[in-house]
Amino acid sequence: MLEVACGTGNYLEFLKEKFDVSGFDLSRGQIAAAKEKLPSTELFVADMADFDTGRQYDAVICLFSSIAYMRTKKKLEKAIANMAKHTKPGGVVIVEPWLKPEKFITGHVSMETNSNGNMSVARMGVSSKRGNISVLDMHFMVSSGEGVEHFVETHEVAMYSDDDFADAFHGAGLELELDPKGLIGRGLYIGSKPVAD
């Protein structure tokens, strides 16, 4: 199994118990953190639109809405086609989408906090929209007992319809099934690669 945009390897920690896993991410920092947790797992830095491992997998997965960083339909289609290229006949491509345009709430404010006794983190975000791009401004406050640090991250991620994903999966030669609930309520697109006659 190959995880596309694996981040710090949280999913891979569970999946490695039952599968032979590999993973990659565009962020060098995320991959460095993943390697600390998973020193014996194949992990590398790459872009989902043009990665090339030179092999095929039984399953290629892209979770936690990472596909939304493909901000144009052309890039979405390129990424799905690349995942399909790396999937064995009879294998699957599983993609967890970001929110649909009709589900996105402009001006939504979110807040999350966590503390472990040594460090406390608060994250507050507000959403806006530009065409099919959702803009998420995230403000972080972090304290480890020596003061409070504040920083901001802005994420721009694309919102696609079921039809957009269907075009991408079918264009990549995959038979598509939709799980409307998925892992956390955003659904899952499951593409099966046909076995040649």
N, C-alpha and C. Protein backbone atom coordinates (compact mmCIF):
# COMPACT_ATOMS: atom_id res chain seq x y z
N MET A 1 0.84 -1.18 0.00
CA MET A 1 0.00 0.00 0.00
C MET A 1 0.89 1.24 0.00
N LEU A 2 0.49 2.23 -0.78
CA LEU A 2 1.19 3.51 -0.82
C LEU A 2 0.25 4.60 -0.34
N GLU A 3 0.70 5.39 0.66
CA GLU A 3 -0.10 6.53 1.10
C GLU A 3 0.47 7.81 0.49
N VAL A 4 -0.36 8.48 -0.26
CA VAL A 4 -0.05 9.76 -0.90
C VAL A 4 -0.33 10.86 0.12
N ALA A 5 0.61 11.80 0.27
CA ALA A 5 0.48 12.89 1.24
C ALA A 5 0.28 12.32 2.65
N CYS A 6 1.25 11.52 3.07
CA CYS A 6 1.13 10.78 4.33
C CYS A 6 1.39 11.64 5.56
N GLY A 7 1.85 12.88 5.38
CA GLY A 7 2.10 13.75 6.53
C GLY A 7 3.12 13.12 7.48
N THR A 8 2.81 13.15 8.78
CA THR A 8 3.73 12.63 9.78
C THR A 8 3.57 11.12 10.01
N GLY A 9 2.76 10.47 9.18
CA GLY A 9 2.66 9.01 9.23
C GLY A 9 1.68 8.45 10.23
N ASN A 10 0.72 9.28 10.70
CA ASN A 10 -0.24 8.79 11.69
C ASN A 10 -1.06 7.61 11.18
N TYR A 11 -1.55 7.68 9.93
CA TYR A 11 -2.30 6.55 9.38
C TYR A 11 -1.40 5.35 9.15
N LEU A 12 -0.19 5.60 8.68
CA LEU A 12 0.73 4.50 8.37
C LEU A 12 1.08 3.69 9.62
N GLU A 13 1.09 4.36 10.77
CA GLU A 13 1.37 3.63 12.03
C GLU A 13 0.37 2.50 12.24
N PHE A 14 -0.90 2.75 11.90
CA PHE A 14 -1.93 1.72 12.04
C PHE A 14 -1.89 0.74 10.87
N LEU A 15 -1.73 1.26 9.67
CA LEU A 15 -1.80 0.41 8.48
C LEU A 15 -0.66 -0.59 8.40
N LYS A 16 0.51 -0.23 8.95
CA LYS A 16 1.67 -1.13 8.85
C LYS A 16 1.47 -2.43 9.63
N GLU A 17 0.48 -2.43 10.52
CA GLU A 17 0.21 -3.66 11.27
C GLU A 17 -0.36 -4.76 10.38
N LYS A 18 -1.01 -4.36 9.27
CA LYS A 18 -1.64 -5.35 8.39
C LYS A 18 -1.15 -5.30 6.95
N PHE A 19 -0.43 -4.24 6.59
CA PHE A 19 -0.01 -4.08 5.20
C PHE A 19 1.48 -3.74 5.12
N ASP A 20 2.06 -4.03 3.98
CA ASP A 20 3.41 -3.56 3.65
C ASP A 20 3.22 -2.14 3.10
N VAL A 21 3.66 -1.12 3.85
CA VAL A 21 3.30 0.25 3.51
C VAL A 21 4.51 1.09 3.11
N SER A 22 4.24 2.07 2.25
CA SER A 22 5.18 3.13 1.89
C SER A 22 4.38 4.42 1.91
N GLY A 23 5.09 5.55 1.96
CA GLY A 23 4.37 6.82 1.94
C GLY A 23 5.25 7.96 1.50
N PHE A 24 4.60 9.03 1.05
CA PHE A 24 5.35 10.24 0.69
C PHE A 24 4.53 11.47 0.97
N ASP A 25 5.22 12.59 1.03
CA ASP A 25 4.59 13.88 1.26
C ASP A 25 5.45 14.94 0.59
N LEU A 26 4.84 16.07 0.26
CA LEU A 26 5.57 17.18 -0.35
C LEU A 26 6.43 17.91 0.69
N SER A 27 6.05 17.80 1.96
CA SER A 27 6.75 18.51 3.04
C SER A 27 7.92 17.69 3.58
N ARG A 28 9.12 18.25 3.49
CA ARG A 28 10.30 17.57 4.05
C ARG A 28 10.18 17.44 5.57
N GLY A 29 9.63 18.46 6.22
CA GLY A 29 9.47 18.43 7.66
C GLY A 29 8.53 17.33 8.11
N GLN A 30 7.42 17.15 7.37
CA GLN A 30 6.48 16.09 7.71
C GLN A 30 7.11 14.71 7.54
N ILE A 31 7.87 14.55 6.47
CA ILE A 31 8.52 13.26 6.23
C ILE A 31 9.59 13.00 7.31
N ALA A 32 10.31 14.02 7.72
CA ALA A 32 11.31 13.85 8.79
C ALA A 32 10.63 13.37 10.07
N ALA A 33 9.47 13.95 10.39
CA ALA A 33 8.72 13.52 11.58
C ALA A 33 8.21 12.10 11.42
N ALA A 34 7.75 11.75 10.21
CA ALA A 34 7.25 10.39 9.96
C ALA A 34 8.38 9.37 10.12
N LYS A 35 9.59 9.71 9.67
CA LYS A 35 10.71 8.78 9.76
C LYS A 35 11.10 8.50 11.20
N GLU A 36 10.89 9.48 12.08
CA GLU A 36 11.18 9.25 13.50
C GLU A 36 10.25 8.19 14.07
N LYS A 37 8.98 8.21 13.63
CA LYS A 37 8.00 7.24 14.12
C LYS A 37 8.10 5.89 13.42
N LEU A 38 8.50 5.93 12.15
CA LEU A 38 8.48 4.73 11.30
C LEU A 38 9.83 4.54 10.62
N PRO A 39 10.88 4.27 11.39
CA PRO A 39 12.23 4.22 10.81
C PRO A 39 12.44 3.12 9.77
N SER A 40 11.64 2.06 9.82
CA SER A 40 11.84 0.97 8.86
C SER A 40 10.89 1.03 7.67
N THR A 41 10.09 2.11 7.58
CA THR A 41 9.13 2.26 6.49
C THR A 41 9.72 3.11 5.38
N GLU A 42 9.45 2.74 4.13
CA GLU A 42 9.90 3.54 2.99
C GLU A 42 9.09 4.83 2.94
N LEU A 43 9.78 5.96 3.13
CA LEU A 43 9.15 7.28 3.13
C LEU A 43 10.00 8.22 2.30
N PHE A 44 9.36 9.08 1.52
CA PHE A 44 10.13 9.97 0.66
C PHE A 44 9.34 11.24 0.36
N VAL A 45 10.04 12.23 -0.16
CA VAL A 45 9.44 13.52 -0.51
C VAL A 45 9.08 13.50 -1.99
N ALA A 46 7.82 13.84 -2.30
CA ALA A 46 7.37 13.87 -3.70
C ALA A 46 6.06 14.64 -3.80
N ASP A 47 5.69 14.96 -5.02
CA ASP A 47 4.44 15.66 -5.34
C ASP A 47 3.46 14.63 -5.91
N MET A 48 2.21 14.65 -5.44
CA MET A 48 1.25 13.65 -5.89
C MET A 48 0.94 13.73 -7.38
N ALA A 49 1.19 14.89 -7.98
CA ALA A 49 0.87 15.04 -9.41
C ALA A 49 1.89 14.37 -10.31
N ASP A 50 3.14 14.21 -9.83
CA ASP A 50 4.15 13.67 -10.74
C ASP A 50 5.13 12.69 -10.07
N PHE A 51 4.76 12.12 -8.93
CA PHE A 51 5.65 11.14 -8.30
C PHE A 51 5.81 9.92 -9.20
N ASP A 52 6.92 9.24 -9.04
CA ASP A 52 7.16 8.02 -9.82
C ASP A 52 8.02 7.08 -8.99
N THR A 53 7.44 6.00 -8.49
CA THR A 53 8.20 5.03 -7.69
C THR A 53 8.73 3.88 -8.54
N GLY A 54 8.26 3.80 -9.78
CA GLY A 54 8.71 2.71 -10.64
C GLY A 54 8.06 1.38 -10.33
N ARG A 55 7.02 1.39 -9.52
CA ARG A 55 6.33 0.13 -9.19
C ARG A 55 4.84 0.38 -8.99
N GLN A 56 4.09 -0.71 -8.85
CA GLN A 56 2.66 -0.62 -8.62
C GLN A 56 2.30 -1.25 -7.28
N TYR A 57 1.14 -0.83 -6.75
CA TYR A 57 0.71 -1.24 -5.41
C TYR A 57 -0.71 -1.83 -5.48
N ASP A 58 -1.05 -2.62 -4.47
CA ASP A 58 -2.41 -3.14 -4.38
C ASP A 58 -3.40 -2.03 -4.06
N ALA A 59 -2.94 -1.05 -3.30
CA ALA A 59 -3.80 0.09 -2.95
C ALA A 59 -2.96 1.35 -2.88
N VAL A 60 -3.51 2.42 -3.42
CA VAL A 60 -2.93 3.76 -3.29
C VAL A 60 -3.99 4.61 -2.61
N ILE A 61 -3.65 5.20 -1.46
CA ILE A 61 -4.63 5.96 -0.69
C ILE A 61 -4.17 7.40 -0.53
N CYS A 62 -5.14 8.31 -0.50
CA CYS A 62 -4.87 9.73 -0.29
C CYS A 62 -5.98 10.24 0.63
N LEU A 63 -5.64 10.42 1.92
CA LEU A 63 -6.64 10.69 2.94
C LEU A 63 -6.55 12.12 3.48
N PHE A 64 -7.44 12.42 4.43
CA PHE A 64 -7.48 13.69 5.15
C PHE A 64 -7.55 14.90 4.21
N SER A 65 -8.28 14.74 3.11
CA SER A 65 -8.56 15.83 2.16
C SER A 65 -7.33 16.41 1.48
N SER A 66 -6.22 15.67 1.50
CA SER A 66 -4.98 16.19 0.89
C SER A 66 -5.14 16.45 -0.60
N ILE A 67 -6.04 15.73 -1.27
CA ILE A 67 -6.26 15.91 -2.71
C ILE A 67 -6.68 17.34 -3.02
N ALA A 68 -7.24 18.06 -2.05
CA ALA A 68 -7.73 19.42 -2.28
C ALA A 68 -6.60 20.41 -2.55
N TYR A 69 -5.35 20.03 -2.27
CA TYR A 69 -4.23 20.91 -2.62
C TYR A 69 -3.96 20.90 -4.12
N MET A 70 -4.60 20.03 -4.86
CA MET A 70 -4.61 20.12 -6.32
C MET A 70 -5.68 21.14 -6.68
N ARG A 71 -5.28 22.39 -6.90
CA ARG A 71 -6.24 23.50 -6.90
C ARG A 71 -6.89 23.78 -8.26
N THR A 72 -6.57 22.99 -9.27
CA THR A 72 -7.28 23.10 -10.54
C THR A 72 -7.77 21.71 -10.93
N LYS A 73 -8.81 21.67 -11.75
CA LYS A 73 -9.33 20.37 -12.18
C LYS A 73 -8.28 19.60 -12.99
N LYS A 74 -7.48 20.32 -13.75
CA LYS A 74 -6.42 19.67 -14.52
C LYS A 74 -5.43 18.98 -13.59
N LYS A 75 -5.06 19.64 -12.49
CA LYS A 75 -4.14 19.02 -11.53
C LYS A 75 -4.80 17.85 -10.80
N LEU A 76 -6.09 18.00 -10.48
CA LEU A 76 -6.82 16.89 -9.86
C LEU A 76 -6.76 15.67 -10.76
N GLU A 77 -7.06 15.86 -12.03
CA GLU A 77 -7.06 14.74 -12.98
C GLU A 77 -5.67 14.14 -13.13
N LYS A 78 -4.64 14.99 -13.13
CA LYS A 78 -3.26 14.50 -13.26
C LYS A 78 -2.88 13.65 -12.05
N ALA A 79 -3.25 14.11 -10.85
CA ALA A 79 -2.92 13.36 -9.63
C ALA A 79 -3.63 12.01 -9.59
N ILE A 80 -4.92 11.99 -9.94
CA ILE A 80 -5.67 10.72 -9.92
C ILE A 80 -5.10 9.77 -10.98
N ALA A 81 -4.76 10.29 -12.14
CA ALA A 81 -4.17 9.45 -13.20
C ALA A 81 -2.84 8.87 -12.74
N ASN A 82 -2.05 9.66 -12.01
CA ASN A 82 -0.76 9.18 -11.53
C ASN A 82 -0.94 8.09 -10.47
N MET A 83 -1.94 8.27 -9.60
CA MET A 83 -2.23 7.23 -8.61
C MET A 83 -2.67 5.94 -9.31
N ALA A 84 -3.51 6.08 -10.33
CA ALA A 84 -3.98 4.90 -11.08
C ALA A 84 -2.82 4.19 -11.77
N LYS A 85 -1.88 4.95 -12.29
CA LYS A 85 -0.70 4.37 -12.95
C LYS A 85 0.10 3.51 -11.98
N HIS A 86 0.09 3.89 -10.71
CA HIS A 86 0.85 3.17 -9.69
C HIS A 86 0.04 2.06 -9.01
N THR A 87 -1.14 1.75 -9.54
CA THR A 87 -2.02 0.73 -8.95
C THR A 87 -2.03 -0.51 -9.83
N LYS A 88 -1.89 -1.68 -9.20
CA LYS A 88 -1.94 -2.94 -9.94
C LYS A 88 -3.35 -3.20 -10.47
N PRO A 89 -3.49 -3.90 -11.60
CA PRO A 89 -4.82 -4.35 -12.02
C PRO A 89 -5.48 -5.15 -10.90
N GLY A 90 -6.73 -4.83 -10.61
CA GLY A 90 -7.43 -5.45 -9.49
C GLY A 90 -7.26 -4.68 -8.19
N GLY A 91 -6.39 -3.67 -8.19
CA GLY A 91 -6.16 -2.85 -7.01
C GLY A 91 -7.10 -1.67 -6.94
N VAL A 92 -6.92 -0.86 -5.88
CA VAL A 92 -7.82 0.27 -5.66
C VAL A 92 -7.06 1.57 -5.39
N VAL A 93 -7.71 2.66 -5.77
CA VAL A 93 -7.28 4.01 -5.41
C VAL A 93 -8.38 4.57 -4.51
N ILE A 94 -8.01 4.99 -3.31
CA ILE A 94 -8.99 5.52 -2.35
C ILE A 94 -8.62 6.95 -2.01
N VAL A 95 -9.57 7.87 -2.23
CA VAL A 95 -9.32 9.29 -2.02
C VAL A 95 -10.40 9.88 -1.12
N GLU A 96 -9.96 10.57 -0.08
CA GLU A 96 -10.89 11.28 0.81
C GLU A 96 -10.92 12.75 0.39
N PRO A 97 -12.09 13.27 -0.02
CA PRO A 97 -12.15 14.64 -0.52
C PRO A 97 -12.24 15.68 0.60
N TRP A 98 -12.11 16.91 0.21
CA TRP A 98 -12.40 18.06 1.06
C TRP A 98 -13.90 18.33 0.93
N LEU A 99 -14.38 19.37 1.56
CA LEU A 99 -15.81 19.69 1.52
C LEU A 99 -16.28 20.00 0.10
N LYS A 100 -17.52 19.67 -0.16
CA LYS A 100 -18.16 20.06 -1.42
C LYS A 100 -18.49 21.56 -1.36
N PRO A 101 -18.56 22.23 -2.52
CA PRO A 101 -18.86 23.67 -2.52
C PRO A 101 -20.14 24.01 -1.77
N GLU A 102 -21.17 23.18 -1.89
CA GLU A 102 -22.45 23.47 -1.24
C GLU A 102 -22.41 23.27 0.27
N LYS A 103 -21.38 22.58 0.77
CA LYS A 103 -21.26 22.33 2.22
C LYS A 103 -20.36 23.37 2.91
N PHE A 104 -19.63 24.13 2.13
CA PHE A 104 -18.67 25.08 2.70
C PHE A 104 -19.38 26.30 3.27
N ILE A 105 -19.02 26.72 4.47
CA ILE A 105 -19.63 27.87 5.13
C ILE A 105 -18.62 29.01 5.19
N THR A 106 -18.87 30.06 4.42
CA THR A 106 -18.01 31.23 4.45
C THR A 106 -18.18 31.95 5.79
N GLY A 107 -17.05 32.34 6.39
CA GLY A 107 -17.10 33.02 7.68
C GLY A 107 -17.20 32.10 8.87
N HIS A 108 -17.10 30.78 8.63
CA HIS A 108 -17.15 29.83 9.75
C HIS A 108 -15.92 30.01 10.64
N VAL A 109 -16.14 30.09 11.94
CA VAL A 109 -15.06 30.23 12.91
C VAL A 109 -14.94 28.92 13.68
N SER A 110 -13.71 28.42 13.76
CA SER A 110 -13.47 27.19 14.51
C SER A 110 -12.40 27.45 15.57
N MET A 111 -12.45 26.65 16.65
CA MET A 111 -11.40 26.76 17.66
C MET A 111 -11.16 25.39 18.28
N GLU A 112 -9.90 25.05 18.42
CA GLU A 112 -9.50 23.80 19.07
C GLU A 112 -8.37 24.10 20.04
N THR A 113 -8.36 23.41 21.16
CA THR A 113 -7.29 23.56 22.14
C THR A 113 -6.83 22.19 22.61
N ASN A 114 -5.58 22.13 23.03
CA ASN A 114 -5.05 20.89 23.59
C ASN A 114 -3.89 21.24 24.51
N SER A 115 -3.72 20.42 25.55
CA SER A 115 -2.64 20.62 26.49
C SER A 115 -2.21 19.28 27.05
N ASN A 116 -0.89 19.09 27.21
CA ASN A 116 -0.40 17.84 27.77
C ASN A 116 0.37 18.05 29.08
N GLY A 117 0.28 19.23 29.64
CA GLY A 117 1.01 19.54 30.86
C GLY A 117 2.33 20.24 30.61
N ASN A 118 2.96 19.93 29.48
CA ASN A 118 4.22 20.59 29.11
C ASN A 118 4.02 21.67 28.06
N MET A 119 2.99 21.52 27.27
CA MET A 119 2.73 22.46 26.18
C MET A 119 1.24 22.61 25.98
N SER A 120 0.80 23.83 25.67
CA SER A 120 -0.60 24.09 25.35
C SER A 120 -0.67 24.73 23.98
N VAL A 121 -1.67 24.31 23.20
CA VAL A 121 -1.85 24.83 21.85
C VAL A 121 -3.30 25.22 21.66
N ALA A 122 -3.53 26.39 21.08
CA ALA A 122 -4.87 26.82 20.69
C ALA A 122 -4.83 27.18 19.22
N ARG A 123 -5.83 26.72 18.48
CA ARG A 123 -5.92 27.04 17.06
C ARG A 123 -7.31 27.61 16.78
N MET A 124 -7.32 28.80 16.18
CA MET A 124 -8.58 29.41 15.78
C MET A 124 -8.51 29.71 14.29
N GLY A 125 -9.58 29.38 13.59
CA GLY A 125 -9.58 29.60 12.15
C GLY A 125 -10.85 30.27 11.68
N VAL A 126 -10.74 30.95 10.54
CA VAL A 126 -11.91 31.55 9.91
C VAL A 126 -11.82 31.26 8.41
N SER A 127 -12.97 30.98 7.80
CA SER A 127 -12.99 30.55 6.40
C SER A 127 -13.53 31.62 5.47
N SER A 128 -12.98 31.63 4.26
CA SER A 128 -13.50 32.48 3.19
C SER A 128 -13.41 31.68 1.89
N LYS A 129 -13.92 32.24 0.81
CA LYS A 129 -14.00 31.49 -0.45
C LYS A 129 -13.65 32.40 -1.61
N ARG A 130 -12.95 31.82 -2.60
CA ARG A 130 -12.62 32.52 -3.84
C ARG A 130 -12.85 31.55 -4.99
N GLY A 131 -14.01 31.67 -5.64
CA GLY A 131 -14.37 30.69 -6.67
C GLY A 131 -14.56 29.32 -6.03
N ASN A 132 -13.86 28.29 -6.56
CA ASN A 132 -13.95 26.96 -5.96
C ASN A 132 -12.84 26.72 -4.93
N ILE A 133 -12.13 27.79 -4.55
CA ILE A 133 -11.04 27.68 -3.58
C ILE A 133 -11.53 28.15 -2.22
N SER A 134 -11.40 27.27 -1.22
CA SER A 134 -11.69 27.68 0.15
C SER A 134 -10.38 28.14 0.78
N VAL A 135 -10.45 29.26 1.47
CA VAL A 135 -9.28 29.87 2.11
C VAL A 135 -9.45 29.74 3.61
N LEU A 136 -8.49 29.09 4.26
CA LEU A 136 -8.57 28.84 5.69
C LEU A 136 -7.40 29.54 6.37
N ASP A 137 -7.70 30.61 7.10
CA ASP A 137 -6.68 31.32 7.87
C ASP A 137 -6.65 30.73 9.28
N MET A 138 -5.55 30.11 9.65
CA MET A 138 -5.40 29.44 10.94
C MET A 138 -4.43 30.21 11.82
N HIS A 139 -4.90 30.64 12.99
CA HIS A 139 -4.06 31.34 13.96
C HIS A 139 -3.74 30.38 15.10
N PHE A 140 -2.45 30.23 15.40
CA PHE A 140 -1.99 29.33 16.44
C PHE A 140 -1.37 30.12 17.59
N MET A 141 -1.68 29.72 18.80
CA MET A 141 -0.99 30.21 19.98
C MET A 141 -0.41 28.99 20.69
N VAL A 142 0.90 29.03 20.95
CA VAL A 142 1.60 27.89 21.54
C VAL A 142 2.40 28.36 22.74
N SER A 143 2.26 27.65 23.86
CA SER A 143 3.02 27.99 25.06
C SER A 143 3.62 26.73 25.67
N SER A 144 4.91 26.81 26.02
CA SER A 144 5.57 25.72 26.73
C SER A 144 6.04 26.19 28.10
N GLY A 145 5.43 27.24 28.61
CA GLY A 145 5.77 27.77 29.93
C GLY A 145 6.79 28.88 29.91
N GLU A 146 7.32 29.20 28.73
CA GLU A 146 8.31 30.28 28.61
C GLU A 146 7.77 31.42 27.75
N GLY A 147 6.49 31.65 27.83
CA GLY A 147 5.85 32.67 27.02
C GLY A 147 4.92 32.05 26.00
N VAL A 148 4.33 32.89 25.19
CA VAL A 148 3.35 32.44 24.19
C VAL A 148 3.82 32.88 22.81
N GLU A 149 3.85 31.91 21.90
CA GLU A 149 4.21 32.20 20.51
C GLU A 149 2.95 32.20 19.67
N HIS A 150 2.86 33.13 18.72
CA HIS A 150 1.70 33.22 17.83
C HIS A 150 2.17 33.16 16.39
N PHE A 151 1.52 32.33 15.59
CA PHE A 151 1.82 32.32 14.16
C PHE A 151 0.57 31.99 13.38
N VAL A 152 0.60 32.27 12.09
CA VAL A 152 -0.56 32.13 11.21
C VAL A 152 -0.18 31.27 10.01
N GLU A 153 -1.07 30.35 9.65
CA GLU A 153 -0.95 29.58 8.41
C GLU A 153 -2.20 29.82 7.57
N THR A 154 -2.02 29.99 6.28
CA THR A 154 -3.16 30.10 5.37
C THR A 154 -3.13 28.92 4.41
N HIS A 155 -4.24 28.19 4.37
CA HIS A 155 -4.36 27.05 3.47
C HIS A 155 -5.41 27.37 2.41
N GLU A 156 -5.05 27.18 1.16
CA GLU A 156 -5.98 27.37 0.05
C GLU A 156 -6.20 26.02 -0.61
N VAL A 157 -7.42 25.51 -0.50
CA VAL A 157 -7.73 24.17 -0.98
C VAL A 157 -8.98 24.18 -1.84
N ALA A 158 -8.99 23.32 -2.84
CA ALA A 158 -10.07 23.34 -3.84
C ALA A 158 -11.25 22.47 -3.40
N MET A 159 -12.43 22.92 -3.77
CA MET A 159 -13.66 22.17 -3.54
C MET A 159 -14.15 21.62 -4.88
N TYR A 160 -14.37 20.31 -4.94
CA TYR A 160 -14.79 19.66 -6.17
C TYR A 160 -16.09 18.92 -5.97
N SER A 161 -16.84 18.78 -7.04
CA SER A 161 -18.12 18.07 -7.00
C SER A 161 -17.90 16.58 -7.25
N ASP A 162 -18.94 15.79 -7.02
CA ASP A 162 -18.88 14.37 -7.36
C ASP A 162 -18.58 14.18 -8.84
N ASP A 163 -19.15 15.04 -9.68
CA ASP A 163 -18.92 14.94 -11.12
C ASP A 163 -17.45 15.18 -11.47
N ASP A 164 -16.83 16.15 -10.78
CA ASP A 164 -15.40 16.42 -11.02
C ASP A 164 -14.56 15.18 -10.70
N PHE A 165 -14.86 14.55 -9.56
CA PHE A 165 -14.11 13.35 -9.20
C PHE A 165 -14.42 12.20 -10.16
N ALA A 166 -15.68 12.08 -10.56
CA ALA A 166 -16.04 11.02 -11.51
C ALA A 166 -15.27 11.19 -12.82
N ASP A 167 -15.17 12.42 -13.30
CA ASP A 167 -14.40 12.68 -14.53
C ASP A 167 -12.96 12.24 -14.36
N ALA A 168 -12.36 12.57 -13.19
CA ALA A 168 -10.95 12.25 -12.95
C ALA A 168 -10.74 10.75 -12.84
N PHE A 169 -11.60 10.06 -12.10
CA PHE A 169 -11.43 8.62 -11.92
C PHE A 169 -11.69 7.86 -13.22
N HIS A 170 -12.78 8.20 -13.91
CA HIS A 170 -13.08 7.52 -15.16
C HIS A 170 -12.02 7.82 -16.21
N GLY A 171 -11.53 9.07 -16.23
CA GLY A 171 -10.48 9.44 -17.17
C GLY A 171 -9.19 8.67 -16.93
N ALA A 172 -8.98 8.23 -15.68
CA ALA A 172 -7.79 7.44 -15.34
C ALA A 172 -8.02 5.94 -15.53
N GLY A 173 -9.20 5.57 -16.06
CA GLY A 173 -9.49 4.17 -16.32
C GLY A 173 -9.93 3.38 -15.11
N LEU A 174 -10.46 4.08 -14.09
CA LEU A 174 -10.89 3.43 -12.86
C LEU A 174 -12.41 3.34 -12.80
N GLU A 175 -12.91 2.25 -12.25
CA GLU A 175 -14.34 2.11 -11.99
C GLU A 175 -14.60 2.70 -10.60
N LEU A 176 -15.54 3.64 -10.53
CA LEU A 176 -15.70 4.45 -9.32
C LEU A 176 -16.89 4.03 -8.48
N GLU A 177 -16.65 3.98 -7.17
CA GLU A 177 -17.71 3.77 -6.18
C GLU A 177 -17.57 4.86 -5.14
N LEU A 178 -18.69 5.41 -4.69
CA LEU A 178 -18.68 6.47 -3.68
C LEU A 178 -19.22 5.94 -2.36
N ASP A 179 -18.42 6.12 -1.32
CA ASP A 179 -18.88 5.87 0.04
C ASP A 179 -19.24 7.24 0.60
N PRO A 180 -20.55 7.56 0.74
CA PRO A 180 -20.93 8.93 1.10
C PRO A 180 -20.50 9.37 2.50
N LYS A 181 -20.32 8.43 3.41
CA LYS A 181 -19.92 8.80 4.77
C LYS A 181 -18.40 8.85 4.92
N GLY A 182 -17.71 7.81 4.50
CA GLY A 182 -16.26 7.78 4.61
C GLY A 182 -15.78 7.67 6.04
N LEU A 183 -14.59 8.19 6.31
CA LEU A 183 -13.96 8.06 7.62
C LEU A 183 -14.46 9.09 8.63
N ILE A 184 -14.68 10.33 8.14
CA ILE A 184 -15.08 11.40 9.07
C ILE A 184 -16.24 12.23 8.53
N GLY A 185 -17.03 11.61 7.63
CA GLY A 185 -18.21 12.31 7.13
C GLY A 185 -18.02 13.04 5.82
N ARG A 186 -16.82 13.05 5.26
CA ARG A 186 -16.58 13.74 3.99
C ARG A 186 -16.71 12.82 2.79
N GLY A 187 -16.88 11.52 3.04
CA GLY A 187 -17.01 10.55 1.96
C GLY A 187 -15.66 10.00 1.55
N LEU A 188 -15.72 8.97 0.70
CA LEU A 188 -14.53 8.38 0.10
C LEU A 188 -14.84 8.03 -1.35
N TYR A 189 -13.92 8.33 -2.25
CA TYR A 189 -14.00 7.87 -3.63
C TYR A 189 -13.10 6.65 -3.76
N ILE A 190 -13.69 5.54 -4.19
CA ILE A 190 -12.96 4.28 -4.30
C ILE A 190 -12.93 3.86 -5.76
N GLY A 191 -11.75 3.90 -6.35
CA GLY A 191 -11.59 3.55 -7.75
C GLY A 191 -10.93 2.19 -7.90
N SER A 192 -11.58 1.28 -8.61
CA SER A 192 -11.01 -0.05 -8.85
C SER A 192 -10.39 -0.09 -10.24
N LYS A 193 -9.19 -0.64 -10.31
CA LYS A 193 -8.53 -0.75 -11.60
C LYS A 193 -8.86 -2.10 -12.23
N PRO A 194 -9.52 -2.10 -13.37
CA PRO A 194 -9.94 -3.38 -13.97
C PRO A 194 -8.77 -4.29 -14.28
N VAL A 195 -9.04 -5.57 -14.21
CA VAL A 195 -8.07 -6.58 -14.60
C VAL A 195 -8.21 -6.82 -16.09
N ALA A 196 -7.11 -6.77 -16.80
CA ALA A 196 -7.15 -6.96 -18.26
C ALA A 196 -7.60 -8.38 -18.58
N ASP A 197 -8.38 -8.51 -19.68
CA ASP A 197 -8.85 -9.84 -20.13
C ASP A 197 -7.68 -10.66 -20.66
